[in-house]
Amino acid sequence: RFRPARFDRFVEEWRKSGAMPSGILDPQELAG
């Protein structure tokens, strides 16, 4: 199986906090 990636940590934190987290994906990656 695939292991969780940085993207998955981003979504998990977004889900937990209810707001887009900072410091996991940078602006370039978010735009992508």
All heavy atoms as atom14 arrays in JSON, in Angstrom:
{
  "sequence": "RFRPARFDRFVEEWRKSGAMPSGILDPQELAG",
  "atom14_mask": [
    [1, 1, 1, 1, 1, 1, 1, 1, 1, 1, 1, 0, 0, 0],
    [1, 1, 1, 1, 1, 1, 1, 1, 1, 1, 1, 0, 0, 0],
    [1, 1, 1, 1, 1, 1, 1, 1, 1, 1, 1, 0, 0, 0],
    [1, 1, 1, 1, 1, 1, 1, 0, 0, 0, 0, 0, 0, 0],
    [1, 1, 1, 1, 1, 0, 0, 0, 0, 0, 0, 0, 0, 0],
    [1, 1, 1, 1, 1, 1, 1, 1, 1, 1, 1, 0, 0, 0],
    [1, 1, 1, 1, 1, 1, 1, 1, 1, 1, 1, 0, 0, 0],
    [1, 1, 1, 1, 1, 1, 1, 1, 0, 0, 0, 0, 0, 0],
    [1, 1, 1, 1, 1, 1, 1, 1, 1, 1, 1, 0, 0, 0],
    [1, 1, 1, 1, 1, 1, 1, 1, 1, 1, 1, 0, 0, 0],
    [1, 1, 1, 1, 1, 1, 1, 0, 0, 0, 0, 0, 0, 0],
    [1, 1, 1, 1, 1, 1, 1, 1, 1, 0, 0, 0, 0, 0],
    [1, 1, 1, 1, 1, 1, 1, 1, 1, 0, 0, 0, 0, 0],
    [1, 1, 1, 1, 1, 1, 1, 1, 1, 1, 1, 1, 1, 1],
    [1, 1, 1, 1, 1, 1, 1, 1, 1, 1, 1, 0, 0, 0],
    [1, 1, 1, 1, 1, 1, 1, 1, 1, 0, 0, 0, 0, 0],
    [1, 1, 1, 1, 1, 1, 0, 0, 0, 0, 0, 0, 0, 0],
    [1, 1, 1, 1, 0, 0, 0, 0, 0, 0, 0, 0, 0, 0],
    [1, 1, 1, 1, 1, 0, 0, 0, 0, 0, 0, 0, 0, 0],
    [1, 1, 1, 1, 1, 1, 1, 1, 0, 0, 0, 0, 0, 0],
    [1, 1, 1, 1, 1, 1, 1, 0, 0, 0, 0, 0, 0, 0],
    [1, 1, 1, 1, 1, 1, 0, 0, 0, 0, 0, 0, 0, 0],
    [1, 1, 1, 1, 0, 0, 0, 0, 0, 0, 0, 0, 0, 0],
    [1, 1, 1, 1, 1, 1, 1, 1, 0, 0, 0, 0, 0, 0],
    [1, 1, 1, 1, 1, 1, 1, 1, 0, 0, 0, 0, 0, 0],
    [1, 1, 1, 1, 1, 1, 1, 1, 0, 0, 0, 0, 0, 0],
    [1, 1, 1, 1, 1, 1, 1, 0, 0, 0, 0, 0, 0, 0],
    [1, 1, 1, 1, 1, 1, 1, 1, 1, 0, 0, 0, 0, 0],
    [1, 1, 1, 1, 1, 1, 1, 1, 1, 0, 0, 0, 0, 0],
    [1, 1, 1, 1, 1, 1, 1, 1, 0, 0, 0, 0, 0, 0],
    [1, 1, 1, 1, 1, 0, 0, 0, 0, 0, 0, 0, 0, 0],
    [1, 1, 1, 1, 0, 0, 0, 0, 0, 0, 0, 0, 0, 0]
  ],
  "atom14_positions": [
    [[0.82, -1.21, 0.0], [0.0, 0.0, 0.0], [0.86, 1.26, 0.0], [2.03, 1.22, 0.36], [-0.92, 0.02, 1.23], [-1.77, -1.24, 1.36], [-2.84, -1.06, 2.4], [-3.64, -2.27, 2.54], [-4.8, -2.31, 3.17], [-5.31, -1.2, 3.71], [-5.48, -3.43, 3.26], [0.0, 0.0, 0.0], [0.0, 0.0, 0.0], [0.0, 0.0, 0.0]],
    [[0.25, 2.34, -0.37], [0.91, 3.63, -0.31], [0.91, 4.14, 1.13], [-0.07, 3.99, 1.85], [0.19, 4.65, -1.2], [0.33, 4.39, -2.67], [-0.76, 3.93, -3.41], [1.54, 4.59, -3.32], [-0.64, 3.7, -4.77], [1.66, 4.34, -4.68], [0.58, 3.9, -5.4], [0.0, 0.0, 0.0], [0.0, 0.0, 0.0], [0.0, 0.0, 0.0]],
    [[2.0, 4.77, 1.51], [2.06, 5.47, 2.79], [1.54, 6.89, 2.62], [1.61, 7.45, 1.53], [3.5, 5.53, 3.31], [4.11, 4.18, 3.67], [5.52, 4.38, 4.23], [6.18, 3.12, 4.5], [6.06, 2.42, 5.63], [5.27, 2.9, 6.6], [6.7, 1.29, 5.8], [0.0, 0.0, 0.0], [0.0, 0.0, 0.0], [0.0, 0.0, 0.0]],
    [[1.02, 7.49, 3.68], [0.55, 8.87, 3.58], [1.68, 9.81, 3.16], [2.83, 9.66, 3.58], [0.07, 9.19, 5.0], [-0.26, 7.85, 5.59], [0.75, 6.9, 5.0], [0.0, 0.0, 0.0], [0.0, 0.0, 0.0], [0.0, 0.0, 0.0], [0.0, 0.0, 0.0], [0.0, 0.0, 0.0], [0.0, 0.0, 0.0], [0.0, 0.0, 0.0]],
    [[1.34, 10.77, 2.32], [2.3, 11.76, 1.82], [2.04, 13.11, 2.51], [1.11, 13.26, 3.3], [2.17, 11.9, 0.31], [0.0, 0.0, 0.0], [0.0, 0.0, 0.0], [0.0, 0.0, 0.0], [0.0, 0.0, 0.0], [0.0, 0.0, 0.0], [0.0, 0.0, 0.0], [0.0, 0.0, 0.0], [0.0, 0.0, 0.0], [0.0, 0.0, 0.0]],
    [[2.86, 14.07, 2.18], [2.68, 15.41, 2.75], [1.3, 15.97, 2.42], [0.68, 16.65, 3.22], [3.8, 16.32, 2.25], [3.89, 17.67, 2.94], [5.31, 18.21, 2.92], [5.91, 18.13, 1.61], [5.88, 19.12, 0.71], [5.24, 20.24, 0.98], [6.47, 18.98, -0.47], [0.0, 0.0, 0.0], [0.0, 0.0, 0.0], [0.0, 0.0, 0.0]],
    [[0.82, 15.7, 1.22], [-0.52, 16.14, 0.85], [-1.56, 15.6, 1.81], [-2.5, 16.3, 2.2], [-0.83, 15.69, -0.59], [-2.29, 15.78, -0.94], [-2.87, 17.01, -1.2], [-3.08, 14.64, -0.99], [-4.23, 17.11, -1.51], [-4.43, 14.73, -1.29], [-5.01, 15.97, -1.55], [0.0, 0.0, 0.0], [0.0, 0.0, 0.0], [0.0, 0.0, 0.0]],
    [[-1.44, 14.33, 2.21], [-2.4, 13.72, 3.12], [-2.35, 14.38, 4.5], [-3.4, 14.55, 5.14], [-2.14, 12.22, 3.24], [-2.24, 11.51, 1.91], [-3.33, 11.48, 1.34], [-1.21, 11.02, 1.43], [0.0, 0.0, 0.0], [0.0, 0.0, 0.0], [0.0, 0.0, 0.0], [0.0, 0.0, 0.0], [0.0, 0.0, 0.0], [0.0, 0.0, 0.0]],
    [[-1.15, 14.75, 4.95], [-1.04, 15.46, 6.23], [-1.73, 16.81, 6.14], [-2.38, 17.26, 7.09], [0.42, 15.63, 6.62], [1.14, 14.31, 6.88], [2.41, 14.51, 7.68], [3.37, 15.36, 6.99], [4.26, 14.93, 6.11], [4.29, 13.64, 5.78], [5.11, 15.75, 5.55], [0.0, 0.0, 0.0], [0.0, 0.0, 0.0], [0.0, 0.0, 0.0]],
    [[-1.61, 17.47, 4.99], [-2.27, 18.75, 4.76], [-3.78, 18.61, 4.88], [-4.45, 19.38, 5.59], [-1.88, 19.27, 3.37], [-2.7, 20.43, 2.88], [-2.45, 21.72, 3.33], [-3.71, 20.24, 1.95], [-3.2, 22.8, 2.88], [-4.47, 21.3, 1.49], [-4.21, 22.59, 1.96], [0.0, 0.0, 0.0], [0.0, 0.0, 0.0], [0.0, 0.0, 0.0]],
    [[-4.35, 17.6, 4.23], [-5.8, 17.39, 4.28], [-6.24, 17.03, 5.69], [-7.27, 17.51, 6.2], [-6.24, 16.3, 3.28], [-7.73, 16.0, 3.43], [-5.92, 16.73, 1.86], [0.0, 0.0, 0.0], [0.0, 0.0, 0.0], [0.0, 0.0, 0.0], [0.0, 0.0, 0.0], [0.0, 0.0, 0.0], [0.0, 0.0, 0.0], [0.0, 0.0, 0.0]],
    [[-5.46, 16.18, 6.36], [-5.81, 15.78, 7.72], [-5.86, 16.98, 8.66], [-6.8, 17.11, 9.46], [-4.8, 14.75, 8.23], [-5.1, 14.24, 9.63], [-4.07, 13.24, 10.12], [-3.05, 13.05, 9.44], [-4.28, 12.66, 11.19], [0.0, 0.0, 0.0], [0.0, 0.0, 0.0], [0.0, 0.0, 0.0], [0.0, 0.0, 0.0], [0.0, 0.0, 0.0]],
    [[-4.88, 17.85, 8.57], [-4.87, 19.04, 9.43], [-6.0, 19.98, 9.08], [-6.61, 20.61, 9.95], [-3.52, 19.75, 9.31], [-2.37, 19.01, 9.96], [-2.61, 18.78, 11.44], [-3.07, 19.72, 12.13], [-2.36, 17.65, 11.91], [0.0, 0.0, 0.0], [0.0, 0.0, 0.0], [0.0, 0.0, 0.0], [0.0, 0.0, 0.0], [0.0, 0.0, 0.0]],
    [[-6.31, 20.1, 7.8], [-7.42, 20.94, 7.37], [-8.73, 20.42, 7.95], [-9.58, 21.17, 8.43], [-7.47, 20.99, 5.84], [-8.33, 22.07, 5.26], [-9.16, 22.94, 5.92], [-8.46, 22.38, 3.87], [-9.79, 23.77, 5.02], [-9.38, 23.45, 3.76], [-7.89, 21.85, 2.7], [-9.75, 24.01, 2.54], [-8.25, 22.4, 1.48], [-9.17, 23.47, 1.4]],
    [[-8.88, 19.09, 7.92], [-10.09, 18.49, 8.45], [-10.19, 18.69, 9.96], [-11.27, 19.0, 10.49], [-10.1, 17.0, 8.12], [-11.34, 16.27, 8.65], [-11.3, 14.77, 8.37], [-11.48, 14.49, 6.95], [-10.56, 13.98, 6.16], [-9.35, 13.74, 6.66], [-10.8, 13.74, 4.9], [0.0, 0.0, 0.0], [0.0, 0.0, 0.0], [0.0, 0.0, 0.0]],
    [[-9.1, 18.52, 10.67], [-9.12, 18.65, 12.13], [-9.42, 20.07, 12.58], [-10.21, 20.29, 13.51], [-7.76, 18.21, 12.7], [-7.52, 16.72, 12.69], [-6.14, 16.42, 13.27], [-5.87, 14.92, 13.31], [-4.51, 14.63, 13.83], [0.0, 0.0, 0.0], [0.0, 0.0, 0.0], [0.0, 0.0, 0.0], [0.0, 0.0, 0.0], [0.0, 0.0, 0.0]],
    [[-8.77, 21.03, 11.94], [-8.88, 22.42, 12.39], [-10.07, 23.15, 11.8], [-10.52, 24.17, 12.34], [-7.6, 23.18, 12.05], [-7.45, 23.3, 10.63], [0.0, 0.0, 0.0], [0.0, 0.0, 0.0], [0.0, 0.0, 0.0], [0.0, 0.0, 0.0], [0.0, 0.0, 0.0], [0.0, 0.0, 0.0], [0.0, 0.0, 0.0], [0.0, 0.0, 0.0]],
    [[-10.57, 22.67, 10.67], [-11.66, 23.37, 10.01], [-11.2, 24.53, 9.17], [-12.02, 25.23, 8.57], [0.0, 0.0, 0.0], [0.0, 0.0, 0.0], [0.0, 0.0, 0.0], [0.0, 0.0, 0.0], [0.0, 0.0, 0.0], [0.0, 0.0, 0.0], [0.0, 0.0, 0.0], [0.0, 0.0, 0.0], [0.0, 0.0, 0.0], [0.0, 0.0, 0.0]],
    [[-9.9, 24.78, 9.13], [-9.36, 25.87, 8.31], [-8.08, 25.39, 7.65], [-7.39, 24.49, 8.15], [-9.08, 27.1, 9.17], [0.0, 0.0, 0.0], [0.0, 0.0, 0.0], [0.0, 0.0, 0.0], [0.0, 0.0, 0.0], [0.0, 0.0, 0.0], [0.0, 0.0, 0.0], [0.0, 0.0, 0.0], [0.0, 0.0, 0.0], [0.0, 0.0, 0.0]],
    [[-7.76, 26.0, 6.52], [-6.58, 25.59, 5.77], [-5.31, 25.77, 6.62], [-5.03, 26.85, 7.1], [-6.48, 26.41, 4.49], [-5.5, 25.86, 3.47], [-3.79, 26.43, 3.7], [-3.97, 28.16, 3.3], [0.0, 0.0, 0.0], [0.0, 0.0, 0.0], [0.0, 0.0, 0.0], [0.0, 0.0, 0.0], [0.0, 0.0, 0.0], [0.0, 0.0, 0.0]],
    [[-4.53, 24.7, 6.83], [-3.33, 24.79, 7.67], [-2.18, 25.47, 6.95], [-2.12, 25.49, 5.72], [-3.0, 23.32, 7.96], [-3.52, 22.59, 6.76], [-4.76, 23.32, 6.34], [0.0, 0.0, 0.0], [0.0, 0.0, 0.0], [0.0, 0.0, 0.0], [0.0, 0.0, 0.0], [0.0, 0.0, 0.0], [0.0, 0.0, 0.0], [0.0, 0.0, 0.0]],
    [[-1.29, 26.02, 7.71], [-0.1, 26.65, 7.14], [1.13, 25.81, 7.47], [1.13, 25.04, 8.44], [0.08, 28.07, 7.69], [0.23, 28.03, 9.11], [0.0, 0.0, 0.0], [0.0, 0.0, 0.0], [0.0, 0.0, 0.0], [0.0, 0.0, 0.0], [0.0, 0.0, 0.0], [0.0, 0.0, 0.0], [0.0, 0.0, 0.0], [0.0, 0.0, 0.0]],
    [[2.16, 25.93, 6.65], [3.43, 25.29, 6.93], [3.57, 23.87, 6.43], [4.62, 23.26, 6.63], [0.0, 0.0, 0.0], [0.0, 0.0, 0.0], [0.0, 0.0, 0.0], [0.0, 0.0, 0.0], [0.0, 0.0, 0.0], [0.0, 0.0, 0.0], [0.0, 0.0, 0.0], [0.0, 0.0, 0.0], [0.0, 0.0, 0.0], [0.0, 0.0, 0.0]],
    [[2.53, 23.32, 5.81], [2.64, 21.95, 5.27], [2.89, 22.0, 3.77], [3.82, 21.38, 3.26], [1.38, 21.14, 5.6], [1.19, 21.03, 7.11], [1.5, 19.73, 4.98], [-0.05, 20.27, 7.52], [0.0, 0.0, 0.0], [0.0, 0.0, 0.0], [0.0, 0.0, 0.0], [0.0, 0.0, 0.0], [0.0, 0.0, 0.0], [0.0, 0.0, 0.0]],
    [[2.05, 22.74, 3.04], [2.28, 22.98, 1.62], [2.63, 24.46, 1.45], [2.01, 25.33, 2.06], [1.02, 22.65, 0.79], [0.47, 21.23, 0.88], [-0.67, 21.06, -0.13], [1.55, 20.19, 0.63], [0.0, 0.0, 0.0], [0.0, 0.0, 0.0], [0.0, 0.0, 0.0], [0.0, 0.0, 0.0], [0.0, 0.0, 0.0], [0.0, 0.0, 0.0]],
    [[3.61, 24.73, 0.6], [4.0, 26.12, 0.37], [3.1, 26.74, -0.71], [2.3, 26.04, -1.35], [5.48, 26.23, 0.01], [5.85, 25.57, -1.31], [4.99, 25.51, -2.22], [7.01, 25.13, -1.45], [0.0, 0.0, 0.0], [0.0, 0.0, 0.0], [0.0, 0.0, 0.0], [0.0, 0.0, 0.0], [0.0, 0.0, 0.0], [0.0, 0.0, 0.0]],
    [[3.18, 28.06, -0.91], [2.28, 28.72, -1.87], [2.35, 28.14, -3.28], [1.33, 28.06, -3.98], [2.76, 30.18, -1.83], [3.33, 30.34, -0.47], [3.98, 29.04, -0.15], [0.0, 0.0, 0.0], [0.0, 0.0, 0.0], [0.0, 0.0, 0.0], [0.0, 0.0, 0.0], [0.0, 0.0, 0.0], [0.0, 0.0, 0.0], [0.0, 0.0, 0.0]],
    [[3.55, 27.73, -3.73], [3.7, 27.13, -5.05], [2.92, 25.83, -5.14], [2.22, 25.55, -6.13], [5.19, 26.89, -5.33], [5.51, 26.38, -6.72], [5.71, 27.48, -7.73], [5.23, 28.6, -7.52], [6.43, 27.2, -8.78], [0.0, 0.0, 0.0], [0.0, 0.0, 0.0], [0.0, 0.0, 0.0], [0.0, 0.0, 0.0], [0.0, 0.0, 0.0]],
    [[3.01, 25.02, -4.11], [2.31, 23.73, -4.09], [0.8, 23.91, -3.97], [0.03, 23.19, -4.6], [2.85, 22.9, -2.93], [4.31, 22.5, -3.11], [4.99, 22.06, -1.84], [4.45, 22.32, -0.74], [6.09, 21.48, -1.93], [0.0, 0.0, 0.0], [0.0, 0.0, 0.0], [0.0, 0.0, 0.0], [0.0, 0.0, 0.0], [0.0, 0.0, 0.0]],
    [[0.38, 24.9, -3.18], [-1.05, 25.18, -3.05], [-1.64, 25.65, -4.38], [-2.74, 25.24, -4.76], [-1.28, 26.24, -1.98], [-1.0, 25.81, -0.54], [-1.11, 27.01, 0.39], [-1.93, 24.7, -0.11], [0.0, 0.0, 0.0], [0.0, 0.0, 0.0], [0.0, 0.0, 0.0], [0.0, 0.0, 0.0], [0.0, 0.0, 0.0], [0.0, 0.0, 0.0]],
    [[-0.89, 26.48, -5.09], [-1.36, 26.92, -6.4], [-1.45, 25.74, -7.36], [-2.38, 25.65, -8.18], [-0.41, 27.98, -6.95], [0.0, 0.0, 0.0], [0.0, 0.0, 0.0], [0.0, 0.0, 0.0], [0.0, 0.0, 0.0], [0.0, 0.0, 0.0], [0.0, 0.0, 0.0], [0.0, 0.0, 0.0], [0.0, 0.0, 0.0], [0.0, 0.0, 0.0]],
    [[-0.52, 24.8, -7.25], [-0.57, 23.6, -8.09], [-1.77, 22.74, -7.76], [-2.39, 22.16, -8.66], [0.0, 0.0, 0.0], [0.0, 0.0, 0.0], [0.0, 0.0, 0.0], [0.0, 0.0, 0.0], [0.0, 0.0, 0.0], [0.0, 0.0, 0.0], [0.0, 0.0, 0.0], [0.0, 0.0, 0.0], [0.0, 0.0, 0.0], [0.0, 0.0, 0.0]]
  ]
}
